[in-house]
């Protein structure tokens, strides 16, 4: 009996030591929490610098000039109009200031937008046409 007690104590000590020394080997049913992407990971996505002006273009310009700016023959208020393309002629050659004047004052069948769009919105529309529409390859 003297040999059994020290052997049991030694076995218990070894068992306890192994349980404390290697907690990562114990299998549990707990799931690890998933981490949200870090702010640094989110900042790698480029913001859409044209999000607001895209909506302005859709509302005020795309109905006549088309979403891709190709223009064409349109019937507006019962009148047949030849709507210019943003990919040809004066739309490519005119200065931004001339483009803004055309948007503000209208003419040649185009309505004036000076009472519908702010000067900043008109400038943004021209920038959108130059950077997105005219560079799209149409």
Protein backbone atom coordinates (compact mmCIF):
# COMPACT_ATOMS: atom_id res chain seq x y z
CA UNK A 1 0.00 0.00 0.00
CA UNK A 2 2.97 2.29 0.60
CA UNK A 3 3.91 1.97 -3.08
CA UNK A 4 0.36 2.63 -4.39
CA UNK A 5 -0.06 6.02 -2.70
CA UNK A 6 3.14 7.62 -4.07
CA UNK A 7 2.41 6.14 -7.53
CA UNK A 8 -1.11 7.60 -7.54
CA UNK A 9 0.21 10.96 -6.36
CA UNK A 10 2.89 10.93 -9.06
CA UNK A 11 0.30 9.99 -11.72
CA UNK A 12 -2.05 12.76 -10.52
CA UNK A 13 0.81 15.29 -10.55
CA UNK A 14 1.81 14.32 -14.11
CA UNK A 15 -1.79 14.50 -15.27
CA UNK A 16 -2.30 17.91 -13.67
CA UNK A 17 0.99 19.22 -15.05
CA UNK A 18 0.17 18.11 -18.58
CA UNK A 19 -3.29 19.71 -18.43
CA UNK A 20 -1.83 23.03 -17.27
CA UNK A 21 1.15 23.01 -19.61
CA UNK A 22 -0.73 22.48 -22.88
CA UNK A 23 -4.11 24.19 -22.78
CA UNK A 24 -4.10 24.66 -26.58
CA UNK A 25 -4.31 20.93 -27.13
CA UNK A 26 -7.65 20.71 -25.36
CA UNK A 27 -10.51 20.53 -27.86
CA UNK A 28 -13.58 22.62 -27.13
CA UNK A 29 -16.77 23.34 -29.02
CA UNK A 30 -16.32 27.10 -28.69
CA UNK A 31 -16.05 29.06 -31.91
CA UNK A 32 -13.56 31.83 -32.34
CA UNK A 33 -15.06 35.28 -32.92
CA UNK A 34 -14.61 36.65 -36.41
CA UNK A 35 -12.93 40.00 -36.65
CA UNK A 36 -14.31 42.88 -38.67
CA UNK A 37 -11.99 44.21 -41.38
CA UNK A 38 -9.62 46.80 -40.01
CA UNK A 39 -10.08 50.45 -40.99
CA UNK A 40 -6.83 50.18 -42.94
CA UNK A 41 -8.30 47.40 -45.08
CA UNK A 42 -11.40 49.47 -45.80
CA UNK A 43 -9.36 52.55 -46.76
CA UNK A 44 -7.80 50.66 -49.68
CA UNK A 45 -11.13 50.83 -51.54
CA UNK A 46 -11.25 53.95 -53.70
CA UNK A 47 -14.25 56.14 -52.96
CA UNK A 48 -16.48 57.01 -55.91
CA UNK A 49 -15.61 60.66 -56.40
CA UNK A 50 -18.46 61.00 -58.92
CA UNK A 51 -21.27 59.42 -56.85
CA UNK A 52 -23.19 62.66 -56.28
CA UNK A 53 -22.67 64.12 -59.75
CA UNK A 54 -23.59 60.80 -61.38
CA UNK A 55 -27.08 61.19 -59.86
CA UNK A 56 -27.24 64.81 -61.11
CA UNK A 57 -26.23 63.68 -64.60
CA UNK A 58 -28.84 60.89 -64.59
CA UNK A 59 -31.59 63.27 -63.51
CA UNK A 60 -30.77 66.21 -65.78
CA UNK A 61 -28.65 65.07 -68.73
CA UNK A 62 -29.03 61.37 -69.51
CA UNK A 63 -32.63 61.72 -70.71
CA UNK A 64 -31.44 63.57 -73.82
CA UNK A 65 -27.72 62.87 -74.11
CA UNK A 66 -27.95 59.22 -73.00
CA UNK A 67 -26.16 57.56 -70.11
CA UNK A 68 -23.03 57.18 -72.23
CA UNK A 69 -23.25 60.71 -73.70
CA UNK A 70 -23.76 59.62 -77.32
CA UNK A 71 -26.74 61.92 -77.92
CA UNK A 72 -28.64 61.31 -81.13
CA UNK A 73 -32.08 62.18 -82.46
CA UNK A 74 -34.64 62.63 -79.68
CA UNK A 75 -38.21 63.83 -79.51
CA UNK A 76 -38.66 66.23 -76.63
CA UNK A 77 -41.98 67.98 -76.00
CA UNK A 78 -43.13 66.98 -79.48
CA UNK A 79 -40.05 68.48 -81.15
CA UNK A 80 -37.49 66.36 -82.94
CA UNK A 81 -34.02 67.36 -81.81
CA UNK A 82 -30.52 66.34 -82.80
CA UNK A 83 -28.84 66.05 -79.40
CA UNK A 84 -25.07 66.42 -79.65
CA UNK A 85 -22.73 63.68 -78.52
CA UNK A 86 -20.21 64.44 -75.78
CA UNK A 87 -17.71 62.39 -77.79
CA UNK A 88 -17.62 64.62 -80.88
CA UNK A 89 -17.12 68.14 -82.20
CA UNK A 90 -17.63 71.06 -79.86
CA UNK A 91 -18.05 68.92 -76.75
CA UNK A 92 -14.43 67.84 -77.13
CA UNK A 93 -13.06 71.23 -78.23
CA UNK A 94 -14.98 73.76 -76.14
CA UNK A 95 -13.47 75.02 -72.93
CA UNK A 96 -15.00 74.03 -69.62
CA UNK A 97 -16.24 77.61 -69.24
CA UNK A 98 -18.06 77.44 -72.60
CA UNK A 99 -19.53 74.07 -71.63
CA UNK A 100 -20.81 75.54 -68.33
CA UNK A 101 -22.33 78.54 -70.19
CA UNK A 102 -24.18 76.14 -72.50
CA UNK A 103 -25.54 74.20 -69.52
CA UNK A 104 -26.53 77.38 -67.67
CA UNK A 105 -28.10 79.27 -70.59
CA UNK A 106 -29.19 76.44 -72.90
CA UNK A 107 -29.77 77.14 -76.58
CA UNK A 108 -30.11 75.19 -79.83
CA UNK A 109 -32.99 73.22 -78.34
CA UNK A 110 -31.29 72.64 -74.98
CA UNK A 111 -33.10 74.04 -71.94
CA UNK A 112 -31.31 76.35 -69.52
CA UNK A 113 -30.27 74.78 -66.23
CA UNK A 114 -29.19 77.94 -64.37
CA UNK A 115 -32.35 77.76 -62.24
CA UNK A 116 -32.08 73.99 -61.70
CA UNK A 117 -28.38 73.47 -60.98
CA UNK A 118 -25.96 75.44 -58.84
CA UNK A 119 -22.70 76.68 -60.42
CA UNK A 120 -20.87 73.96 -58.44
CA UNK A 121 -23.21 71.27 -59.81
CA UNK A 122 -22.65 72.50 -63.38
CA UNK A 123 -18.88 72.46 -62.84
CA UNK A 124 -19.12 68.94 -61.41
CA UNK A 125 -21.22 67.79 -64.41
CA UNK A 126 -18.60 69.11 -66.83
CA UNK A 127 -15.83 67.41 -64.81
CA UNK A 128 -17.86 64.16 -64.87
CA UNK A 129 -18.36 64.42 -68.65
CA UNK A 130 -14.65 65.08 -69.19
CA UNK A 131 -13.32 62.40 -66.80
CA UNK A 132 -15.91 59.64 -67.18
CA UNK A 133 -18.06 60.06 -70.29
CA UNK A 134 -15.42 61.33 -72.73
CA UNK A 135 -12.79 58.82 -71.57
CA UNK A 136 -15.10 55.79 -71.85
CA UNK A 137 -14.07 55.15 -75.46
CA UNK A 138 -17.39 55.71 -77.27
